[in-house]
């Protein structure tokens, strides 16, 4: 009997510890999902600092990087991943600009000195504000806007075109037909959480879902999926599932893990984006 009592005590301690971890994960889940660099990056020469007004009353700062003299290029709205700020993604923007595409680098609420705290609804509001800014610019052709999401940003892009307004209010361009690039996408955020924390009931706990496949299943515009073939944060099979579910081409960056330079501004990555854009938005 004494042995049985000891076993029961050990089991109770383990269960209590697990329950505590579950409670902490539920309470602090957004601190685990969003990893903002709150410092304000210095605006480089040749980059325009722009203000974005969200529909819930926040004023955000973003960067607009003009194209390097190609009238047939696109304007790419970059919805970033869950860490860093716009300063980290400047090489991506300058790499695309060198290939003839203007870029708007979005920084979400709570990132890069912006006010507010990140959440799924908040990030979608931030992306809508960025789209409205581009739609209102006289140097941007709305029909040549492309949305590029990185990792967490794939959920932002998917939600932006899959939920809410059906078109840009100024130009009337249909969001259902906007070209989309998904870099390291996941099927839905819970699947990433389950891969990282297999001992937690992630799907039950999550408040922010970012259901990429669900939001994009009815999308009429062209979609490209790009991922590293050694991604350990968003497992590569999840990105392949997204491509298969959306009937989208899949481009693998050989040897690349999630945060490798090859998936920030590597030539293979940028060239793949450039080829896709020029195929789906041919020159006038």
C-alpha atoms as a PDB file:
ATOM      1  CA  UNK A   1       0.000   0.000   0.000  1.00  0.00           C
ATOM      2  CA  UNK A   2       2.825   2.396   0.783  1.00  0.00           C
ATOM      3  CA  UNK A   3       4.226   1.916  -2.726  1.00  0.00           C
ATOM      4  CA  UNK A   4       0.800   2.605  -4.207  1.00  0.00           C
ATOM      5  CA  UNK A   5       0.439   5.791  -2.163  1.00  0.00           C
ATOM      6  CA  UNK A   6       3.841   6.968  -3.381  1.00  0.00           C
ATOM      7  CA  UNK A   7       2.902   6.291  -6.973  1.00  0.00           C
ATOM      8  CA  UNK A   8      -0.358   8.213  -6.526  1.00  0.00           C
ATOM      9  CA  UNK A   9       1.509  11.160  -4.987  1.00  0.00           C
ATOM     10  CA  UNK A  10       3.967  11.239  -7.888  1.00  0.00           C
ATOM     11  CA  UNK A  11       1.118  11.125 -10.409  1.00  0.00           C
ATOM     12  CA  UNK A  12      -0.705  13.925  -8.611  1.00  0.00           C
ATOM     13  CA  UNK A  13       2.443  16.069  -8.565  1.00  0.00           C
ATOM     14  CA  UNK A  14       2.991  15.486 -12.301  1.00  0.00           C
ATOM     15  CA  UNK A  15      -0.642  16.281 -13.115  1.00  0.00           C
ATOM     16  CA  UNK A  16      -0.540  19.416 -10.964  1.00  0.00           C
ATOM     17  CA  UNK A  17       2.670  20.588 -12.653  1.00  0.00           C
ATOM     18  CA  UNK A  18       1.174  19.945 -16.095  1.00  0.00           C
ATOM     19  CA  UNK A  19      -1.999  21.830 -15.141  1.00  0.00           C
ATOM     20  CA  UNK A  20       0.094  24.771 -13.981  1.00  0.00           C
ATOM     21  CA  UNK A  21       1.985  24.818 -17.283  1.00  0.00           C
ATOM     22  CA  UNK A  22      -1.331  24.745 -19.163  1.00  0.00           C
ATOM     23  CA  UNK A  23      -2.668  27.674 -17.140  1.00  0.00           C
ATOM     24  CA  UNK A  24       0.517  29.704 -17.676  1.00  0.00           C
ATOM     25  CA  UNK A  25       0.480  28.941 -21.408  1.00  0.00           C
ATOM     26  CA  UNK A  26      -3.138  30.073 -21.629  1.00  0.00           C
ATOM     27  CA  UNK A  27      -2.505  33.304 -19.735  1.00  0.00           C
ATOM     28  CA  UNK A  28       0.751  34.243 -21.482  1.00  0.00           C
ATOM     29  CA  UNK A  29       0.076  32.771 -24.912  1.00  0.00           C
ATOM     30  CA  UNK A  30       0.399  36.061 -26.784  1.00  0.00           C
ATOM     31  CA  UNK A  31       3.815  36.635 -25.229  1.00  0.00           C
ATOM     32  CA  UNK A  32       4.798  33.272 -26.692  1.00  0.00           C
ATOM     33  CA  UNK A  33       3.329  34.012 -30.138  1.00  0.00           C
ATOM     34  CA  UNK A  34       4.416  37.612 -30.679  1.00  0.00           C
ATOM     35  CA  UNK A  35       8.063  38.530 -30.144  1.00  0.00           C
ATOM     36  CA  UNK A  36       8.290  42.210 -31.105  1.00  0.00           C
ATOM     37  CA  UNK A  37      11.415  44.302 -31.197  1.00  0.00           C
ATOM     38  CA  UNK A  38       9.921  47.507 -29.799  1.00  0.00           C
ATOM     39  CA  UNK A  39      12.929  49.702 -30.560  1.00  0.00           C
ATOM     40  CA  UNK A  40      12.490  52.402 -33.220  1.00  0.00           C
ATOM     41  CA  UNK A  41      14.740  51.712 -36.225  1.00  0.00           C
ATOM     42  CA  UNK A  42      16.440  54.636 -37.937  1.00  0.00           C
ATOM     43  CA  UNK A  43      14.917  55.394 -41.335  1.00  0.00           C
ATOM     44  CA  UNK A  44      17.637  54.891 -43.971  1.00  0.00           C
ATOM     45  CA  UNK A  45      18.342  57.282 -46.817  1.00  0.00           C
ATOM     46  CA  UNK A  46      16.112  56.649 -49.804  1.00  0.00           C
ATOM     47  CA  UNK A  47      13.356  55.115 -47.667  1.00  0.00           C
ATOM     48  CA  UNK A  48      10.090  56.972 -47.065  1.00  0.00           C
ATOM     49  CA  UNK A  49       8.638  56.867 -43.563  1.00  0.00           C
ATOM     50  CA  UNK A  50       4.862  56.678 -43.820  1.00  0.00           C
ATOM     51  CA  UNK A  51       1.995  56.835 -41.327  1.00  0.00           C
ATOM     52  CA  UNK A  52      -0.802  54.261 -41.297  1.00  0.00           C
ATOM     53  CA  UNK A  53      -4.119  54.937 -39.558  1.00  0.00           C
ATOM     54  CA  UNK A  54      -5.901  51.812 -38.363  1.00  0.00           C
ATOM     55  CA  UNK A  55      -9.667  51.543 -38.111  1.00  0.00           C
ATOM     56  CA  UNK A  56      -9.372  51.115 -34.331  1.00  0.00           C
ATOM     57  CA  UNK A  57      -7.556  54.401 -33.880  1.00  0.00           C
ATOM     58  CA  UNK A  58      -3.821  53.622 -33.890  1.00  0.00           C
ATOM     59  CA  UNK A  59      -1.175  55.537 -35.832  1.00  0.00           C
ATOM     60  CA  UNK A  60       1.526  53.168 -37.086  1.00  0.00           C
ATOM     61  CA  UNK A  61       4.849  53.842 -38.768  1.00  0.00           C
ATOM     62  CA  UNK A  62       5.929  51.866 -41.830  1.00  0.00           C
ATOM     63  CA  UNK A  63       8.585  52.190 -44.534  1.00  0.00           C
ATOM     64  CA  UNK A  64       8.026  52.591 -48.265  1.00  0.00           C
ATOM     65  CA  UNK A  65      10.969  51.563 -50.430  1.00  0.00           C
ATOM     66  CA  UNK A  66      10.635  52.748 -54.053  1.00  0.00           C
ATOM     67  CA  UNK A  67      11.483  50.496 -56.970  1.00  0.00           C
ATOM     68  CA  UNK A  68      14.744  50.885 -58.821  1.00  0.00           C
ATOM     69  CA  UNK A  69      13.352  52.321 -62.046  1.00  0.00           C
ATOM     70  CA  UNK A  70      11.099  49.585 -63.440  1.00  0.00           C
ATOM     71  CA  UNK A  71       7.677  50.794 -64.532  1.00  0.00           C
ATOM     72  CA  UNK A  72       6.474  47.207 -64.998  1.00  0.00           C
ATOM     73  CA  UNK A  73       7.201  46.140 -61.427  1.00  0.00           C
ATOM     74  CA  UNK A  74       4.719  45.520 -58.653  1.00  0.00           C
ATOM     75  CA  UNK A  75       4.205  47.097 -55.247  1.00  0.00           C
ATOM     76  CA  UNK A  76       4.717  44.437 -52.575  1.00  0.00           C
ATOM     77  CA  UNK A  77       3.117  44.773 -49.166  1.00  0.00           C
ATOM     78  CA  UNK A  78       5.235  42.761 -46.705  1.00  0.00           C
ATOM     79  CA  UNK A  79       3.438  41.352 -43.658  1.00  0.00           C
ATOM     80  CA  UNK A  80       6.320  40.205 -41.433  1.00  0.00           C
ATOM     81  CA  UNK A  81       6.778  37.285 -39.086  1.00  0.00           C
ATOM     82  CA  UNK A  82       6.462  37.319 -35.322  1.00  0.00           C
ATOM     83  CA  UNK A  83       9.855  38.768 -34.357  1.00  0.00           C
ATOM     84  CA  UNK A  84      12.023  41.816 -35.022  1.00  0.00           C
ATOM     85  CA  UNK A  85      10.883  45.014 -36.712  1.00  0.00           C
ATOM     86  CA  UNK A  86      11.033  46.679 -40.114  1.00  0.00           C
ATOM     87  CA  UNK A  87      14.759  47.349 -39.779  1.00  0.00           C
ATOM     88  CA  UNK A  88      15.448  43.600 -39.881  1.00  0.00           C
ATOM     89  CA  UNK A  89      13.502  43.256 -43.130  1.00  0.00           C
ATOM     90  CA  UNK A  90      15.116  46.126 -44.995  1.00  0.00           C
ATOM     91  CA  UNK A  91      17.384  43.709 -46.972  1.00  0.00           C
ATOM     92  CA  UNK A  92      14.249  41.970 -48.243  1.00  0.00           C
ATOM     93  CA  UNK A  93      12.782  45.300 -49.355  1.00  0.00           C
ATOM     94  CA  UNK A  94      15.962  46.549 -51.009  1.00  0.00           C
ATOM     95  CA  UNK A  95      16.430  43.198 -52.737  1.00  0.00           C
ATOM     96  CA  UNK A  96      12.940  43.378 -54.236  1.00  0.00           C
ATOM     97  CA  UNK A  97      13.415  47.067 -55.075  1.00  0.00           C
ATOM     98  CA  UNK A  98      16.586  46.195 -56.968  1.00  0.00           C
ATOM     99  CA  UNK A  99      14.477  43.772 -59.021  1.00  0.00           C
ATOM    100  CA  UNK A 100      12.058  46.564 -59.914  1.00  0.00           C
ATOM    101  CA  UNK A 101       9.372  46.264 -57.227  1.00  0.00           C
ATOM    102  CA  UNK A 102       8.367  48.915 -54.709  1.00  0.00           C
ATOM    103  CA  UNK A 103       7.867  47.625 -51.159  1.00  0.00           C
ATOM    104  CA  UNK A 104       5.810  48.722 -48.161  1.00  0.00           C
ATOM    105  CA  UNK A 105       7.353  47.256 -45.000  1.00  0.00           C
ATOM    106  CA  UNK A 106       4.582  46.963 -42.441  1.00  0.00           C
ATOM    107  CA  UNK A 107       5.368  47.017 -38.735  1.00  0.00           C
ATOM    108  CA  UNK A 108       2.476  45.759 -36.616  1.00  0.00           C
ATOM    109  CA  UNK A 109       1.164  47.387 -33.446  1.00  0.00           C
ATOM    110  CA  UNK A 110       3.691  46.934 -30.670  1.00  0.00           C
ATOM    111  CA  UNK A 111       6.577  46.533 -33.133  1.00  0.00           C
ATOM    112  CA  UNK A 112       9.235  49.079 -34.097  1.00  0.00           C
ATOM    113  CA  UNK A 113       7.995  51.765 -31.728  1.00  0.00           C
ATOM    114  CA  UNK A 114       4.358  51.456 -32.779  1.00  0.00           C
ATOM    115  CA  UNK A 115       1.623  51.761 -30.123  1.00  0.00           C
ATOM    116  CA  UNK A 116      -0.704  48.945 -29.117  1.00  0.00           C
ATOM    117  CA  UNK A 117      -0.418  45.253 -28.358  1.00  0.00           C
ATOM    118  CA  UNK A 118      -0.429  42.553 -31.042  1.00  0.00           C
ATOM    119  CA  UNK A 119      -3.358  40.184 -31.503  1.00  0.00           C
ATOM    120  CA  UNK A 120      -4.950  38.464 -34.487  1.00  0.00           C
ATOM    121  CA  UNK A 121      -7.665  41.102 -34.898  1.00  0.00           C
ATOM    122  CA  UNK A 122      -5.125  43.860 -34.349  1.00  0.00           C
ATOM    123  CA  UNK A 123      -2.682  42.583 -36.966  1.00  0.00           C
ATOM    124  CA  UNK A 124      -5.469  42.254 -39.518  1.00  0.00           C
ATOM    125  CA  UNK A 125      -6.459  45.871 -38.815  1.00  0.00           C
ATOM    126  CA  UNK A 126      -2.821  46.895 -39.338  1.00  0.00           C
ATOM    127  CA  UNK A 127      -2.678  45.140 -42.707  1.00  0.00           C
ATOM    128  CA  UNK A 128      -5.940  46.782 -43.797  1.00  0.00           C
ATOM    129  CA  UNK A 129      -4.437  50.171 -42.940  1.00  0.00           C
ATOM    130  CA  UNK A 130      -1.360  49.357 -45.019  1.00  0.00           C
ATOM    131  CA  UNK A 131      -3.512  48.348 -47.993  1.00  0.00           C
ATOM    132  CA  UNK A 132      -5.582  51.527 -47.673  1.00  0.00           C
ATOM    133  CA  UNK A 133      -2.366  53.572 -47.682  1.00  0.00           C
ATOM    134  CA  UNK A 134      -1.136  51.892 -50.866  1.00  0.00           C
ATOM    135  CA  UNK A 135      -4.541  52.225 -52.495  1.00  0.00           C
ATOM    136  CA  UNK A 136      -4.484  55.973 -51.867  1.00  0.00           C
ATOM    137  CA  UNK A 137      -0.976  56.617 -53.224  1.00  0.00           C
ATOM    138  CA  UNK A 138      -0.734  58.215 -56.638  1.00  0.00           C
ATOM    139  CA  UNK A 139       2.552  56.437 -57.356  1.00  0.00           C
ATOM    140  CA  UNK A 140       1.047  52.961 -56.820  1.00  0.00           C
ATOM    141  CA  UNK A 141      -1.145  51.122 -59.306  1.00  0.00           C
ATOM    142  CA  UNK A 142      -3.672  49.208 -57.235  1.00  0.00           C
ATOM    143  CA  UNK A 143      -3.973  46.458 -59.845  1.00  0.00           C
ATOM    144  CA  UNK A 144      -0.255  45.735 -59.374  1.00  0.00           C
ATOM    145  CA  UNK A 145      -0.259  45.274 -55.589  1.00  0.00           C
ATOM    146  CA  UNK A 146       1.059  41.937 -54.303  1.00  0.00           C
ATOM    147  CA  UNK A 147       0.766  40.686 -50.728  1.00  0.00           C
ATOM    148  CA  UNK A 148       3.753  38.844 -49.242  1.00  0.00           C
ATOM    149  CA  UNK A 149       3.444  37.203 -45.841  1.00  0.00           C
ATOM    150  CA  UNK A 150       6.315  35.733 -43.871  1.00  0.00           C
ATOM    151  CA  UNK A 151       5.543  32.952 -41.388  1.00  0.00           C
ATOM    152  CA  UNK A 152       3.036  34.561 -38.979  1.00  0.00           C
ATOM    153  CA  UNK A 153       2.470  37.153 -41.709  1.00  0.00           C
ATOM    154  CA  UNK A 154       1.011  34.429 -43.937  1.00  0.00           C
ATOM    155  CA  UNK A 155      -1.869  34.281 -41.477  1.00  0.00           C
ATOM    156  CA  UNK A 156      -2.188  38.066 -41.635  1.00  0.00           C
ATOM    157  CA  UNK A 157      -2.238  38.072 -45.437  1.00  0.00           C
ATOM    158  CA  UNK A 158      -4.722  35.195 -45.564  1.00  0.00           C
ATOM    159  CA  UNK A 159      -7.064  36.875 -43.107  1.00  0.00           C
ATOM    160  CA  UNK A 160      -6.808  40.213 -44.907  1.00  0.00           C
ATOM    161  CA  UNK A 161      -7.953  38.862 -48.260  1.00  0.00           C
ATOM    162  CA  UNK A 162     -10.239  36.156 -46.889  1.00  0.00           C
ATOM    163  CA  UNK A 163     -12.197  38.133 -44.304  1.00  0.00           C
ATOM    164  CA  UNK A 164     -13.764  41.574 -44.216  1.00  0.00           C
ATOM    165  CA  UNK A 165     -13.914  43.921 -47.201  1.00  0.00           C
ATOM    166  CA  UNK A 166     -14.137  42.350 -50.658  1.00  0.00           C
ATOM    167  CA  UNK A 167     -12.249  45.145 -52.399  1.00  0.00           C
ATOM    168  CA  UNK A 168      -9.977  48.123 -51.826  1.00  0.00           C
ATOM    169  CA  UNK A 169     -12.256  51.052 -51.133  1.00  0.00           C
ATOM    170  CA  UNK A 170     -10.461  53.599 -53.287  1.00  0.00           C
ATOM    171  CA  UNK A 171      -9.728  51.693 -56.473  1.00  0.00           C
ATOM    172  CA  UNK A 172     -12.349  48.970 -56.179  1.00  0.00           C
ATOM    173  CA  UNK A 173      -9.720  46.299 -56.940  1.00  0.00           C
ATOM    174  CA  UNK A 174     -10.976  42.926 -55.709  1.00  0.00           C
ATOM    175  CA  UNK A 175      -8.998  41.499 -52.784  1.00  0.00           C
ATOM    176  CA  UNK A 176     -10.114  38.047 -53.905  1.00  0.00           C
ATOM    177  CA  UNK A 177      -7.882  38.388 -56.968  1.00  0.00           C
ATOM    178  CA  UNK A 178      -4.761  39.973 -55.469  1.00  0.00           C
ATOM    179  CA  UNK A 179      -1.587  37.901 -56.011  1.00  0.00           C
ATOM    180  CA  UNK A 180      -0.290  36.368 -52.781  1.00  0.00           C
ATOM    181  CA  UNK A 181       3.140  35.060 -51.789  1.00  0.00           C
ATOM    182  CA  UNK A 182       3.289  32.876 -48.684  1.00  0.00           C
ATOM    183  CA  UNK A 183       6.777  32.375 -47.216  1.00  0.00           C
ATOM    184  CA  UNK A 184       6.892  29.518 -44.675  1.00  0.00           C
ATOM    185  CA  UNK A 185       3.109  29.299 -44.229  1.00  0.00           C
ATOM    186  CA  UNK A 186       1.300  27.070 -41.775  1.00  0.00           C
ATOM    187  CA  UNK A 187      -2.085  25.416 -42.141  1.00  0.00           C
ATOM    188  CA  UNK A 188      -3.302  27.183 -38.999  1.00  0.00           C
ATOM    189  CA  UNK A 189      -1.415  28.504 -35.986  1.00  0.00           C
ATOM    190  CA  UNK A 190      -2.519  25.624 -33.740  1.00  0.00           C
ATOM    191  CA  UNK A 191      -0.571  23.171 -35.906  1.00  0.00           C
ATOM    192  CA  UNK A 192       2.637  25.125 -35.320  1.00  0.00           C
ATOM    193  CA  UNK A 193       1.898  25.216 -31.603  1.00  0.00           C
ATOM    194  CA  UNK A 194       1.296  21.474 -31.497  1.00  0.00           C
ATOM    195  CA  UNK A 195       4.644  20.851 -33.193  1.00  0.00           C
ATOM    196  CA  UNK A 196       6.447  23.098 -30.688  1.00  0.00           C
ATOM    197  CA  UNK A 197       4.505  22.075 -27.570  1.00  0.00           C
ATOM    198  CA  UNK A 198       3.173  18.543 -28.135  1.00  0.00           C
ATOM    199  CA  UNK A 199       2.395  18.154 -24.427  1.00  0.00           C
ATOM    200  CA  UNK A 200      -0.120  21.037 -24.400  1.00  0.00           C
ATOM    201  CA  UNK A 201      -3.761  21.171 -25.608  1.00  0.00           C
ATOM    202  CA  UNK A 202      -2.822  23.989 -27.977  1.00  0.00           C
ATOM    203  CA  UNK A 203      -5.935  23.942 -30.123  1.00  0.00           C
ATOM    204  CA  UNK A 204      -8.153  24.309 -27.069  1.00  0.00           C
ATOM    205  CA  UNK A 205      -6.081  27.138 -25.565  1.00  0.00           C
ATOM    206  CA  UNK A 206      -5.409  29.367 -28.568  1.00  0.00           C
ATOM    207  CA  UNK A 207      -7.274  32.649 -28.881  1.00  0.00           C
ATOM    208  CA  UNK A 208      -5.504  33.732 -32.104  1.00  0.00           C
ATOM    209  CA  UNK A 209      -6.060  31.097 -34.800  1.00  0.00           C
ATOM    210  CA  UNK A 210      -4.797  32.466 -38.150  1.00  0.00           C
ATOM    211  CA  UNK A 211      -6.445  29.702 -40.259  1.00  0.00           C
ATOM    212  CA  UNK A 212      -4.437  30.158 -43.461  1.00  0.00           C
ATOM    213  CA  UNK A 213      -6.036  27.419 -45.557  1.00  0.00           C
ATOM    214  CA  UNK A 214      -9.554  28.287 -44.421  1.00  0.00           C
ATOM    215  CA  UNK A 215      -9.083  31.979 -45.213  1.00  0.00           C
ATOM    216  CA  UNK A 216      -7.526  31.385 -48.644  1.00  0.00           C
ATOM    217  CA  UNK A 217      -9.566  28.410 -49.851  1.00  0.00           C
ATOM    218  CA  UNK A 218     -11.839  30.633 -51.914  1.00  0.00           C
ATOM    219  CA  UNK A 219      -9.110  33.004 -53.131  1.00  0.00           C
ATOM    220  CA  UNK A 220      -9.274  33.580 -56.888  1.00  0.00           C
ATOM    221  CA  UNK A 221      -5.896  35.224 -57.331  1.00  0.00           C
ATOM    222  CA  UNK A 222      -2.567  33.481 -57.958  1.00  0.00           C
ATOM    223  CA  UNK A 223      -0.704  32.104 -54.933  1.00  0.00           C
ATOM    224  CA  UNK A 224       2.947  31.081 -54.539  1.00  0.00           C
ATOM    225  CA  UNK A 225       4.224  29.088 -51.552  1.00  0.00           C
ATOM    226  CA  UNK A 226       7.921  29.262 -50.646  1.00  0.00           C
ATOM    227  CA  UNK A 227       9.623  27.503 -47.745  1.00  0.00           C
ATOM    228  CA  UNK A 228      12.970  26.195 -46.630  1.00  0.00           C
ATOM    229  CA  UNK A 229      13.275  22.430 -46.863  1.00  0.00           C
ATOM    230  CA  UNK A 230      14.784  22.235 -43.357  1.00  0.00           C
ATOM    231  CA  UNK A 231      12.367  24.475 -41.485  1.00  0.00           C
ATOM    232  CA  UNK A 232      12.114  23.450 -37.824  1.00  0.00           C
ATOM    233  CA  UNK A 233       9.857  26.293 -36.601  1.00  0.00           C
ATOM    234  CA  UNK A 234       7.110  26.002 -39.189  1.00  0.00           C
ATOM    235  CA  UNK A 235       7.750  22.405 -40.257  1.00  0.00           C
ATOM    236  CA  UNK A 236       8.139  22.167 -44.026  1.00  0.00           C
ATOM    237  CA  UNK A 237       5.321  19.581 -44.341  1.00  0.00           C
ATOM    238  CA  UNK A 238       2.867  22.213 -43.071  1.00  0.00           C
ATOM    239  CA  UNK A 239       3.893  24.579 -45.869  1.00  0.00           C
ATOM    240  CA  UNK A 240       3.540  21.765 -48.398  1.00  0.00           C
ATOM    241  CA  UNK A 241       0.038  21.055 -47.057  1.00  0.00           C
ATOM    242  CA  UNK A 242      -0.878  24.703 -47.642  1.00  0.00           C
ATOM    243  CA  UNK A 243       0.351  24.548 -51.238  1.00  0.00           C
ATOM    244  CA  UNK A 244      -1.526  21.302 -51.884  1.00  0.00           C
ATOM    245  CA  UNK A 245      -4.769  22.526 -50.308  1.00  0.00           C
ATOM    246  CA  UNK A 246      -4.696  25.771 -52.308  1.00  0.00           C
ATOM    247  CA  UNK A 247      -3.450  24.141 -55.530  1.00  0.00           C
ATOM    248  CA  UNK A 248      -0.502  26.549 -55.477  1.00  0.00           C
ATOM    249  CA  UNK A 249       3.045  25.993 -56.730  1.00  0.00           C
ATOM    250  CA  UNK A 250       5.597  25.171 -54.031  1.00  0.00           C
ATOM    251  CA  UNK A 251       9.199  26.354 -54.209  1.00  0.00           C
ATOM    252  CA  UNK A 252      11.691  24.896 -51.741  1.00  0.00           C
ATOM    253  CA  UNK A 253      14.813  26.811 -50.745  1.00  0.00           C
ATOM    254  CA  UNK A 254      17.411  24.070 -50.410  1.00  0.00           C
ATOM    255  CA  UNK A 255      19.041  23.678 -47.013  1.00  0.00           C
ATOM    256  CA  UNK A 256      17.210  26.652 -45.469  1.00  0.00           C
ATOM    257  CA  UNK A 257      15.857  26.732 -41.921  1.00  0.00           C
ATOM    258  CA  UNK A 258      13.155  29.199 -40.867  1.00  0.00           C
ATOM    259  CA  UNK A 259      15.370  32.135 -39.876  1.00  0.00           C
ATOM    260  CA  UNK A 260      18.265  31.563 -42.258  1.00  0.00           C
ATOM    261  CA  UNK A 261      19.449  34.463 -44.388  1.00  0.00           C
ATOM    262  CA  UNK A 262      18.392  32.500 -47.474  1.00  0.00           C
ATOM    263  CA  UNK A 263      14.759  33.062 -46.423  1.00  0.00           C
ATOM    264  CA  UNK A 264      15.274  36.729 -45.604  1.00  0.00           C
ATOM    265  CA  UNK A 265      16.937  38.115 -48.696  1.00  0.00           C
ATOM    266  CA  UNK A 266      18.598  35.172 -50.449  1.00  0.00           C
ATOM    267  CA  UNK A 267      18.805  35.355 -54.242  1.00  0.00           C
ATOM    268  CA  UNK A 268      16.856  32.117 -54.758  1.00  0.00           C
ATOM    269  CA  UNK A 269      14.009  33.462 -52.610  1.00  0.00           C
ATOM    270  CA  UNK A 270      13.939  36.926 -54.164  1.00  0.00           C
ATOM    271  CA  UNK A 271      14.274  35.556 -57.693  1.00  0.00           C
ATOM    272  CA  UNK A 272      11.336  33.212 -57.073  1.00  0.00           C
ATOM    273  CA  UNK A 273       9.181  36.135 -55.918  1.00  0.00           C
ATOM    274  CA  UNK A 274      10.280  38.227 -58.898  1.00  0.00           C
ATOM    275  CA  UNK A 275       9.474  35.442 -61.399  1.00  0.00           C
ATOM    276  CA  UNK A 276       6.056  34.886 -59.854  1.00  0.00           C
ATOM    277  CA  UNK A 277       5.171  38.577 -59.894  1.00  0.00           C
ATOM    278  CA  UNK A 278       6.194  39.015 -63.522  1.00  0.00           C
ATOM    279  CA  UNK A 279       4.283  35.915 -64.576  1.00  0.00           C
ATOM    280  CA  UNK A 280       1.020  36.943 -62.903  1.00  0.00           C
ATOM    281  CA  UNK A 281       1.343  40.695 -63.562  1.00  0.00           C
ATOM    282  CA  UNK A 282       2.715  40.899 -67.096  1.00  0.00           C
ATOM    283  CA  UNK A 283       4.102  44.167 -68.395  1.00  0.00           C
ATOM    284  CA  UNK A 284       1.577  46.608 -69.808  1.00  0.00           C
END
